[in-house]
Amino acid sequence: MKIPGPEHPITLAANAKRVRVLFNGRIVADTVRALTLCEAGYRPVQYIPREDADMALFSRTAHVTHCPYKGDAAYFSLNVDGRASENAVWTYETPYPAMAEIKAYLAFYPSRVKFDDRGRRVGAAPIIVQWQGGEPFTVVPLAVATRPIAFHK
């Protein structure tokens, strides 16, 4: 297990917009509670709470991958109206403590689905994790924060 830090930063922020995920023309997830994860030099990833996804369209696969910073990822395929996309979605069901906030959230390969995040959520402000001197600290706009991002060692 590796801890995110200056050499491999990972930040989480509450997405201020409504995020909808579409597959084969159908909405498979719709949320105002997405988290945007930015990791080192990778593109940002939207993590969607499972409660905001139509899990009847998801089927668990045997595929598993490992991230030294987040833990083991399990995968789902999407099945909508006769069209399938194998291992299009991943989730960290037991992430490492530093990434506990993404537990039971879903992430989608952007090449397999369509994202619609044009709708802005009124009054939302980001919850941002930053690094200072190798130690995590959290910047939380107290007036609008719904939950802090907790880091554990």
N, C-alpha and C. Protein backbone atom coordinates (compact mmCIF):
# COMPACT_ATOMS: atom_id res chain seq x y z
N MET A 1 0.85 -1.18 0.00
CA MET A 1 0.00 0.00 0.00
C MET A 1 0.89 1.24 0.00
N LYS A 2 0.57 2.16 -0.90
CA LYS A 2 1.30 3.42 -0.96
C LYS A 2 0.35 4.55 -0.56
N ILE A 3 0.90 5.56 0.07
CA ILE A 3 0.13 6.73 0.49
C ILE A 3 0.33 7.84 -0.53
N PRO A 4 -0.77 8.45 -1.02
CA PRO A 4 -0.60 9.58 -1.94
C PRO A 4 0.21 10.69 -1.29
N GLY A 5 1.01 11.36 -2.07
CA GLY A 5 1.83 12.45 -1.56
C GLY A 5 2.34 13.29 -2.71
N PRO A 6 3.32 14.12 -2.45
CA PRO A 6 3.82 15.03 -3.50
C PRO A 6 4.35 14.30 -4.73
N GLU A 7 4.92 13.11 -4.55
CA GLU A 7 5.45 12.37 -5.70
C GLU A 7 4.34 11.68 -6.50
N HIS A 8 3.19 11.48 -5.90
CA HIS A 8 2.04 10.88 -6.58
C HIS A 8 0.76 11.46 -5.95
N PRO A 9 0.44 12.71 -6.29
CA PRO A 9 -0.73 13.34 -5.65
C PRO A 9 -2.05 12.78 -6.15
N ILE A 10 -2.99 12.67 -5.22
CA ILE A 10 -4.37 12.30 -5.55
C ILE A 10 -5.26 13.29 -4.82
N THR A 11 -6.17 13.93 -5.56
CA THR A 11 -7.11 14.86 -4.94
C THR A 11 -8.54 14.39 -5.24
N LEU A 12 -9.41 14.67 -4.30
CA LEU A 12 -10.84 14.41 -4.46
C LEU A 12 -11.58 15.72 -4.28
N ALA A 13 -12.56 15.96 -5.12
CA ALA A 13 -13.38 17.16 -4.98
C ALA A 13 -14.82 16.80 -5.30
N ALA A 14 -15.74 17.34 -4.53
CA ALA A 14 -17.16 17.17 -4.85
C ALA A 14 -17.43 17.90 -6.16
N ASN A 15 -18.04 17.23 -7.11
CA ASN A 15 -18.35 17.84 -8.40
C ASN A 15 -19.55 18.77 -8.21
N ALA A 16 -19.40 20.00 -8.65
CA ALA A 16 -20.45 20.99 -8.48
C ALA A 16 -21.59 20.85 -9.49
N LYS A 17 -21.47 19.89 -10.40
CA LYS A 17 -22.47 19.73 -11.45
C LYS A 17 -23.23 18.42 -11.30
N ARG A 18 -24.40 18.39 -11.88
CA ARG A 18 -25.14 17.14 -12.02
C ARG A 18 -24.42 16.31 -13.09
N VAL A 19 -24.18 15.05 -12.80
CA VAL A 19 -23.49 14.17 -13.75
C VAL A 19 -24.43 13.03 -14.12
N ARG A 20 -24.62 12.86 -15.42
CA ARG A 20 -25.39 11.73 -15.92
C ARG A 20 -24.48 10.89 -16.81
N VAL A 21 -24.60 9.58 -16.67
CA VAL A 21 -23.82 8.65 -17.48
C VAL A 21 -24.80 7.90 -18.36
N LEU A 22 -24.54 7.90 -19.67
CA LEU A 22 -25.42 7.24 -20.63
C LEU A 22 -24.67 6.12 -21.34
N PHE A 23 -25.39 5.04 -21.57
CA PHE A 23 -24.87 3.93 -22.36
C PHE A 23 -25.98 3.45 -23.28
N ASN A 24 -25.67 3.33 -24.56
CA ASN A 24 -26.64 2.90 -25.56
C ASN A 24 -27.90 3.77 -25.52
N GLY A 25 -27.71 5.07 -25.29
CA GLY A 25 -28.82 6.01 -25.28
C GLY A 25 -29.65 6.04 -24.01
N ARG A 26 -29.29 5.28 -23.01
CA ARG A 26 -30.05 5.20 -21.77
C ARG A 26 -29.22 5.71 -20.59
N ILE A 27 -29.86 6.43 -19.69
CA ILE A 27 -29.18 6.91 -18.48
C ILE A 27 -28.96 5.72 -17.55
N VAL A 28 -27.70 5.45 -17.23
CA VAL A 28 -27.37 4.35 -16.31
C VAL A 28 -27.00 4.87 -14.93
N ALA A 29 -26.68 6.17 -14.84
CA ALA A 29 -26.38 6.81 -13.55
C ALA A 29 -26.71 8.29 -13.67
N ASP A 30 -27.21 8.85 -12.56
CA ASP A 30 -27.62 10.25 -12.53
C ASP A 30 -27.43 10.74 -11.10
N THR A 31 -26.53 11.71 -10.92
CA THR A 31 -26.19 12.12 -9.56
C THR A 31 -25.85 13.61 -9.46
N VAL A 32 -26.02 14.14 -8.28
CA VAL A 32 -25.49 15.46 -7.91
C VAL A 32 -24.46 15.28 -6.80
N ARG A 33 -24.01 14.03 -6.61
CA ARG A 33 -23.06 13.71 -5.54
C ARG A 33 -21.77 13.08 -6.07
N ALA A 34 -21.42 13.35 -7.31
CA ALA A 34 -20.19 12.78 -7.88
C ALA A 34 -18.96 13.36 -7.21
N LEU A 35 -17.92 12.55 -7.14
CA LEU A 35 -16.61 12.99 -6.70
C LEU A 35 -15.68 12.95 -7.89
N THR A 36 -14.87 13.99 -8.05
CA THR A 36 -13.87 14.02 -9.11
C THR A 36 -12.53 13.67 -8.49
N LEU A 37 -11.93 12.60 -8.98
CA LEU A 37 -10.62 12.16 -8.50
C LEU A 37 -9.58 12.53 -9.54
N CYS A 38 -8.58 13.27 -9.11
CA CYS A 38 -7.45 13.63 -9.97
C CYS A 38 -6.22 12.94 -9.39
N GLU A 39 -5.57 12.15 -10.22
CA GLU A 39 -4.42 11.36 -9.76
C GLU A 39 -3.22 11.61 -10.65
N ALA A 40 -2.13 12.07 -10.04
CA ALA A 40 -0.85 12.29 -10.72
C ALA A 40 -1.08 12.87 -12.11
N GLY A 41 -0.60 12.23 -13.16
CA GLY A 41 -0.72 12.75 -14.52
C GLY A 41 -1.89 12.19 -15.30
N TYR A 42 -2.83 11.50 -14.63
CA TYR A 42 -3.98 10.92 -15.31
C TYR A 42 -5.10 11.93 -15.49
N ARG A 43 -6.00 11.64 -16.40
CA ARG A 43 -7.19 12.47 -16.58
C ARG A 43 -8.10 12.33 -15.36
N PRO A 44 -8.87 13.37 -15.01
CA PRO A 44 -9.81 13.26 -13.88
C PRO A 44 -10.85 12.17 -14.13
N VAL A 45 -11.27 11.53 -13.05
CA VAL A 45 -12.26 10.45 -13.11
C VAL A 45 -13.44 10.83 -12.22
N GLN A 46 -14.65 10.66 -12.75
CA GLN A 46 -15.86 10.90 -11.98
C GLN A 46 -16.24 9.61 -11.25
N TYR A 47 -16.42 9.70 -9.95
CA TYR A 47 -16.88 8.57 -9.14
C TYR A 47 -18.32 8.86 -8.73
N ILE A 48 -19.22 7.93 -9.03
CA ILE A 48 -20.67 8.08 -8.84
C ILE A 48 -21.13 7.14 -7.73
N PRO A 49 -21.92 7.62 -6.76
CA PRO A 49 -22.44 6.70 -5.74
C PRO A 49 -23.30 5.62 -6.37
N ARG A 50 -23.15 4.40 -5.87
CA ARG A 50 -23.96 3.28 -6.40
C ARG A 50 -25.45 3.55 -6.27
N GLU A 51 -25.85 4.25 -5.23
CA GLU A 51 -27.27 4.54 -5.02
C GLU A 51 -27.85 5.36 -6.16
N ASP A 52 -26.99 6.03 -6.91
CA ASP A 52 -27.44 6.90 -8.00
C ASP A 52 -27.28 6.23 -9.38
N ALA A 53 -27.06 4.92 -9.37
CA ALA A 53 -26.93 4.16 -10.62
C ALA A 53 -28.03 3.10 -10.68
N ASP A 54 -28.44 2.79 -11.88
CA ASP A 54 -29.44 1.73 -12.09
C ASP A 54 -28.69 0.39 -12.13
N MET A 55 -28.45 -0.19 -10.95
CA MET A 55 -27.61 -1.37 -10.82
C MET A 55 -28.20 -2.59 -11.54
N ALA A 56 -29.46 -2.56 -11.92
CA ALA A 56 -30.05 -3.66 -12.68
C ALA A 56 -29.40 -3.78 -14.06
N LEU A 57 -28.75 -2.72 -14.53
CA LEU A 57 -28.10 -2.72 -15.83
C LEU A 57 -26.63 -3.15 -15.75
N PHE A 58 -26.14 -3.40 -14.55
CA PHE A 58 -24.74 -3.75 -14.31
C PHE A 58 -24.65 -5.24 -13.96
N SER A 59 -23.66 -5.91 -14.48
CA SER A 59 -23.41 -7.30 -14.08
C SER A 59 -21.95 -7.44 -13.68
N ARG A 60 -21.76 -8.04 -12.51
CA ARG A 60 -20.42 -8.21 -11.95
C ARG A 60 -19.61 -9.17 -12.82
N THR A 61 -18.34 -8.87 -13.02
CA THR A 61 -17.45 -9.77 -13.75
C THR A 61 -16.38 -10.29 -12.81
N ALA A 62 -15.57 -11.21 -13.29
CA ALA A 62 -14.49 -11.77 -12.48
C ALA A 62 -13.22 -10.92 -12.58
N HIS A 63 -13.24 -9.91 -13.42
CA HIS A 63 -12.05 -9.07 -13.64
C HIS A 63 -11.72 -8.26 -12.39
N VAL A 64 -10.44 -8.22 -12.03
CA VAL A 64 -9.95 -7.46 -10.87
C VAL A 64 -8.62 -6.83 -11.26
N THR A 65 -8.41 -5.59 -10.83
CA THR A 65 -7.11 -4.94 -10.99
C THR A 65 -6.67 -4.40 -9.64
N HIS A 66 -5.41 -4.01 -9.56
CA HIS A 66 -4.87 -3.50 -8.30
C HIS A 66 -4.19 -2.16 -8.52
N CYS A 67 -4.48 -1.23 -7.66
CA CYS A 67 -3.80 0.07 -7.62
C CYS A 67 -3.07 0.15 -6.29
N PRO A 68 -1.78 0.45 -6.28
CA PRO A 68 -1.06 0.52 -5.01
C PRO A 68 -1.52 1.65 -4.10
N TYR A 69 -2.27 2.62 -4.63
CA TYR A 69 -2.75 3.75 -3.84
C TYR A 69 -4.20 3.60 -3.40
N LYS A 70 -5.00 2.88 -4.20
CA LYS A 70 -6.43 2.76 -3.90
C LYS A 70 -6.85 1.36 -3.47
N GLY A 71 -6.17 0.34 -3.90
CA GLY A 71 -6.51 -1.03 -3.54
C GLY A 71 -6.97 -1.83 -4.74
N ASP A 72 -7.76 -2.89 -4.48
CA ASP A 72 -8.26 -3.77 -5.54
C ASP A 72 -9.57 -3.24 -6.10
N ALA A 73 -9.64 -3.20 -7.42
CA ALA A 73 -10.86 -2.74 -8.10
C ALA A 73 -11.61 -3.94 -8.66
N ALA A 74 -12.91 -3.97 -8.42
CA ALA A 74 -13.80 -4.96 -9.01
C ALA A 74 -14.48 -4.30 -10.21
N TYR A 75 -14.98 -5.13 -11.14
CA TYR A 75 -15.52 -4.60 -12.39
C TYR A 75 -16.95 -5.06 -12.66
N PHE A 76 -17.65 -4.24 -13.42
CA PHE A 76 -19.00 -4.54 -13.89
C PHE A 76 -19.04 -4.34 -15.40
N SER A 77 -19.89 -5.11 -16.05
CA SER A 77 -20.22 -4.86 -17.45
C SER A 77 -21.57 -4.17 -17.48
N LEU A 78 -21.80 -3.39 -18.51
CA LEU A 78 -23.10 -2.75 -18.73
C LEU A 78 -23.87 -3.54 -19.78
N ASN A 79 -25.17 -3.71 -19.54
CA ASN A 79 -26.04 -4.43 -20.47
C ASN A 79 -27.32 -3.61 -20.63
N VAL A 80 -27.48 -2.99 -21.81
CA VAL A 80 -28.64 -2.13 -22.06
C VAL A 80 -29.24 -2.46 -23.42
N ASP A 81 -30.47 -2.90 -23.42
CA ASP A 81 -31.23 -3.13 -24.65
C ASP A 81 -30.45 -3.93 -25.69
N GLY A 82 -29.85 -5.03 -25.26
CA GLY A 82 -29.15 -5.92 -26.17
C GLY A 82 -27.71 -5.54 -26.47
N ARG A 83 -27.24 -4.43 -25.96
CA ARG A 83 -25.86 -4.02 -26.18
C ARG A 83 -25.10 -4.14 -24.86
N ALA A 84 -23.89 -4.67 -24.92
CA ALA A 84 -23.09 -4.87 -23.71
C ALA A 84 -21.71 -4.23 -23.88
N SER A 85 -21.13 -3.83 -22.76
CA SER A 85 -19.77 -3.35 -22.72
C SER A 85 -19.10 -4.00 -21.52
N GLU A 86 -18.20 -4.93 -21.81
CA GLU A 86 -17.56 -5.72 -20.76
C GLU A 86 -16.55 -4.88 -19.98
N ASN A 87 -16.60 -5.01 -18.67
CA ASN A 87 -15.67 -4.34 -17.76
C ASN A 87 -15.61 -2.83 -18.00
N ALA A 88 -16.74 -2.22 -18.23
CA ALA A 88 -16.81 -0.78 -18.52
C ALA A 88 -16.80 0.07 -17.25
N VAL A 89 -17.02 -0.58 -16.11
CA VAL A 89 -17.19 0.15 -14.84
C VAL A 89 -16.33 -0.52 -13.78
N TRP A 90 -15.68 0.30 -12.94
CA TRP A 90 -14.93 -0.27 -11.83
C TRP A 90 -15.33 0.38 -10.52
N THR A 91 -15.00 -0.32 -9.44
CA THR A 91 -15.35 0.15 -8.11
C THR A 91 -14.33 -0.36 -7.10
N TYR A 92 -14.09 0.41 -6.07
CA TYR A 92 -13.24 -0.01 -4.95
C TYR A 92 -14.15 -0.28 -3.77
N GLU A 93 -14.41 -1.55 -3.51
CA GLU A 93 -15.33 -1.91 -2.43
C GLU A 93 -14.66 -1.86 -1.07
N THR A 94 -13.35 -2.09 -1.03
CA THR A 94 -12.58 -1.97 0.21
C THR A 94 -11.29 -1.22 -0.11
N PRO A 95 -11.42 0.08 -0.39
CA PRO A 95 -10.22 0.85 -0.74
C PRO A 95 -9.29 1.00 0.46
N TYR A 96 -8.06 1.34 0.17
CA TYR A 96 -7.12 1.64 1.25
C TYR A 96 -7.64 2.85 2.03
N PRO A 97 -7.25 2.98 3.30
CA PRO A 97 -7.80 4.05 4.15
C PRO A 97 -7.66 5.46 3.56
N ALA A 98 -6.58 5.75 2.87
CA ALA A 98 -6.39 7.10 2.31
C ALA A 98 -7.44 7.43 1.24
N MET A 99 -8.07 6.41 0.67
CA MET A 99 -9.06 6.60 -0.38
C MET A 99 -10.44 6.10 0.04
N ALA A 100 -10.69 6.05 1.33
CA ALA A 100 -11.95 5.51 1.86
C ALA A 100 -13.18 6.22 1.30
N GLU A 101 -13.04 7.47 0.90
CA GLU A 101 -14.18 8.25 0.42
C GLU A 101 -14.80 7.68 -0.87
N ILE A 102 -14.02 6.91 -1.65
CA ILE A 102 -14.56 6.37 -2.90
C ILE A 102 -15.15 4.96 -2.72
N LYS A 103 -15.22 4.48 -1.50
CA LYS A 103 -15.81 3.17 -1.26
C LYS A 103 -17.25 3.14 -1.78
N ALA A 104 -17.56 2.09 -2.53
CA ALA A 104 -18.91 1.87 -3.09
C ALA A 104 -19.31 2.93 -4.12
N TYR A 105 -18.36 3.65 -4.66
CA TYR A 105 -18.62 4.55 -5.79
C TYR A 105 -18.24 3.82 -7.07
N LEU A 106 -18.80 4.23 -8.17
CA LEU A 106 -18.54 3.62 -9.47
C LEU A 106 -17.80 4.61 -10.37
N ALA A 107 -16.86 4.09 -11.15
CA ALA A 107 -16.16 4.88 -12.15
C ALA A 107 -16.34 4.20 -13.51
N PHE A 108 -16.43 5.01 -14.55
CA PHE A 108 -16.76 4.51 -15.88
C PHE A 108 -15.64 4.87 -16.85
N TYR A 109 -15.30 3.93 -17.74
CA TYR A 109 -14.35 4.25 -18.80
C TYR A 109 -15.03 5.22 -19.76
N PRO A 110 -14.47 6.42 -19.94
CA PRO A 110 -15.13 7.42 -20.79
C PRO A 110 -15.23 7.01 -22.26
N SER A 111 -14.43 6.06 -22.69
CA SER A 111 -14.52 5.60 -24.08
C SER A 111 -15.69 4.65 -24.29
N ARG A 112 -16.32 4.22 -23.19
CA ARG A 112 -17.41 3.24 -23.28
C ARG A 112 -18.78 3.82 -22.99
N VAL A 113 -18.82 5.00 -22.38
CA VAL A 113 -20.08 5.64 -22.01
C VAL A 113 -20.04 7.10 -22.43
N LYS A 114 -21.15 7.77 -22.28
CA LYS A 114 -21.22 9.21 -22.55
C LYS A 114 -21.54 9.91 -21.23
N PHE A 115 -20.81 10.98 -20.94
CA PHE A 115 -21.05 11.78 -19.75
C PHE A 115 -21.80 13.05 -20.11
N ASP A 116 -22.76 13.42 -19.30
CA ASP A 116 -23.46 14.69 -19.44
C ASP A 116 -23.36 15.38 -18.09
N ASP A 117 -22.52 16.40 -18.02
CA ASP A 117 -22.35 17.12 -16.75
C ASP A 117 -22.55 18.62 -16.93
N ARG A 118 -23.50 18.97 -17.80
CA ARG A 118 -23.75 20.38 -18.08
C ARG A 118 -24.58 21.06 -17.00
N GLY A 119 -25.37 20.32 -16.27
CA GLY A 119 -26.23 20.93 -15.25
C GLY A 119 -25.47 21.29 -14.00
N ARG A 120 -25.43 22.54 -13.65
CA ARG A 120 -24.69 22.99 -12.47
C ARG A 120 -25.58 22.92 -11.23
N ARG A 121 -25.05 22.40 -10.18
CA ARG A 121 -25.75 22.31 -8.92
C ARG A 121 -25.60 23.65 -8.19
N VAL A 122 -26.68 24.24 -7.81
CA VAL A 122 -26.66 25.56 -7.18
C VAL A 122 -26.10 25.47 -5.77
N GLY A 123 -25.20 26.39 -5.43
CA GLY A 123 -24.68 26.48 -4.07
C GLY A 123 -23.60 25.48 -3.73
N ALA A 124 -23.15 24.69 -4.69
CA ALA A 124 -22.14 23.68 -4.39
C ALA A 124 -20.75 24.29 -4.43
N ALA A 125 -19.90 23.83 -3.56
CA ALA A 125 -18.51 24.26 -3.53
C ALA A 125 -17.64 23.02 -3.35
N PRO A 126 -16.44 23.05 -3.89
CA PRO A 126 -15.62 21.84 -3.82
C PRO A 126 -15.10 21.56 -2.42
N ILE A 127 -14.90 20.27 -2.19
CA ILE A 127 -14.17 19.81 -1.01
C ILE A 127 -12.86 19.28 -1.57
N ILE A 128 -11.76 19.89 -1.20
CA ILE A 128 -10.49 19.61 -1.86
C ILE A 128 -9.47 19.12 -0.84
N VAL A 129 -8.74 18.09 -1.21
CA VAL A 129 -7.64 17.59 -0.40
C VAL A 129 -6.35 18.06 -1.04
N GLN A 130 -5.46 18.65 -0.27
CA GLN A 130 -4.18 19.10 -0.79
C GLN A 130 -3.08 18.53 0.10
N TRP A 131 -1.84 18.70 -0.36
CA TRP A 131 -0.69 18.20 0.39
C TRP A 131 0.19 19.37 0.79
N GLN A 132 0.70 19.29 2.02
CA GLN A 132 1.59 20.33 2.51
C GLN A 132 2.68 19.64 3.30
N GLY A 133 3.91 19.76 2.85
CA GLY A 133 5.02 19.14 3.57
C GLY A 133 4.90 17.63 3.68
N GLY A 134 4.29 16.99 2.69
CA GLY A 134 4.17 15.55 2.71
C GLY A 134 3.03 15.02 3.54
N GLU A 135 2.29 15.91 4.19
CA GLU A 135 1.17 15.50 5.04
C GLU A 135 -0.14 16.00 4.44
N PRO A 136 -1.19 15.17 4.47
CA PRO A 136 -2.47 15.63 3.92
C PRO A 136 -3.17 16.60 4.86
N PHE A 137 -3.82 17.57 4.28
CA PHE A 137 -4.73 18.41 5.04
C PHE A 137 -5.93 18.68 4.16
N THR A 138 -7.03 19.01 4.75
CA THR A 138 -8.27 19.16 4.01
C THR A 138 -8.73 20.60 4.03
N VAL A 139 -9.09 21.12 2.86
CA VAL A 139 -9.68 22.45 2.75
C VAL A 139 -11.17 22.23 2.52
N VAL A 140 -11.99 22.60 3.48
CA VAL A 140 -13.42 22.35 3.39
C VAL A 140 -14.18 23.65 3.56
N PRO A 141 -14.93 24.09 2.54
CA PRO A 141 -15.78 25.26 2.71
C PRO A 141 -16.90 24.91 3.70
N LEU A 142 -16.76 25.35 4.94
CA LEU A 142 -17.66 24.92 6.00
C LEU A 142 -19.12 25.29 5.76
N ALA A 143 -19.37 26.38 5.07
CA ALA A 143 -20.75 26.82 4.88
C ALA A 143 -21.55 25.87 4.00
N VAL A 144 -20.88 25.12 3.12
CA VAL A 144 -21.61 24.27 2.19
C VAL A 144 -21.18 22.81 2.22
N ALA A 145 -20.14 22.48 2.97
CA ALA A 145 -19.63 21.11 2.97
C ALA A 145 -20.66 20.15 3.54
N THR A 146 -20.81 19.03 2.87
CA THR A 146 -21.72 18.01 3.38
C THR A 146 -20.97 16.91 4.10
N ARG A 147 -19.70 16.72 3.74
CA ARG A 147 -18.90 15.73 4.44
C ARG A 147 -17.43 16.02 4.16
N PRO A 148 -16.57 15.94 5.18
CA PRO A 148 -15.15 16.13 4.93
C PRO A 148 -14.55 14.86 4.34
N ILE A 149 -13.45 15.01 3.66
CA ILE A 149 -12.72 13.87 3.16
C ILE A 149 -11.70 13.51 4.23
N ALA A 150 -11.80 12.32 4.77
CA ALA A 150 -10.94 11.91 5.86
C ALA A 150 -9.75 11.12 5.32
N PHE A 151 -8.57 11.41 5.85
CA PHE A 151 -7.37 10.65 5.51
C PHE A 151 -6.91 9.93 6.75
N HIS A 152 -6.52 8.70 6.56
CA HIS A 152 -6.04 7.87 7.67
C HIS A 152 -4.68 7.31 7.29
N LYS A 153 -3.85 7.12 8.26
CA LYS A 153 -2.54 6.49 8.01
C LYS A 153 -2.52 5.12 8.59
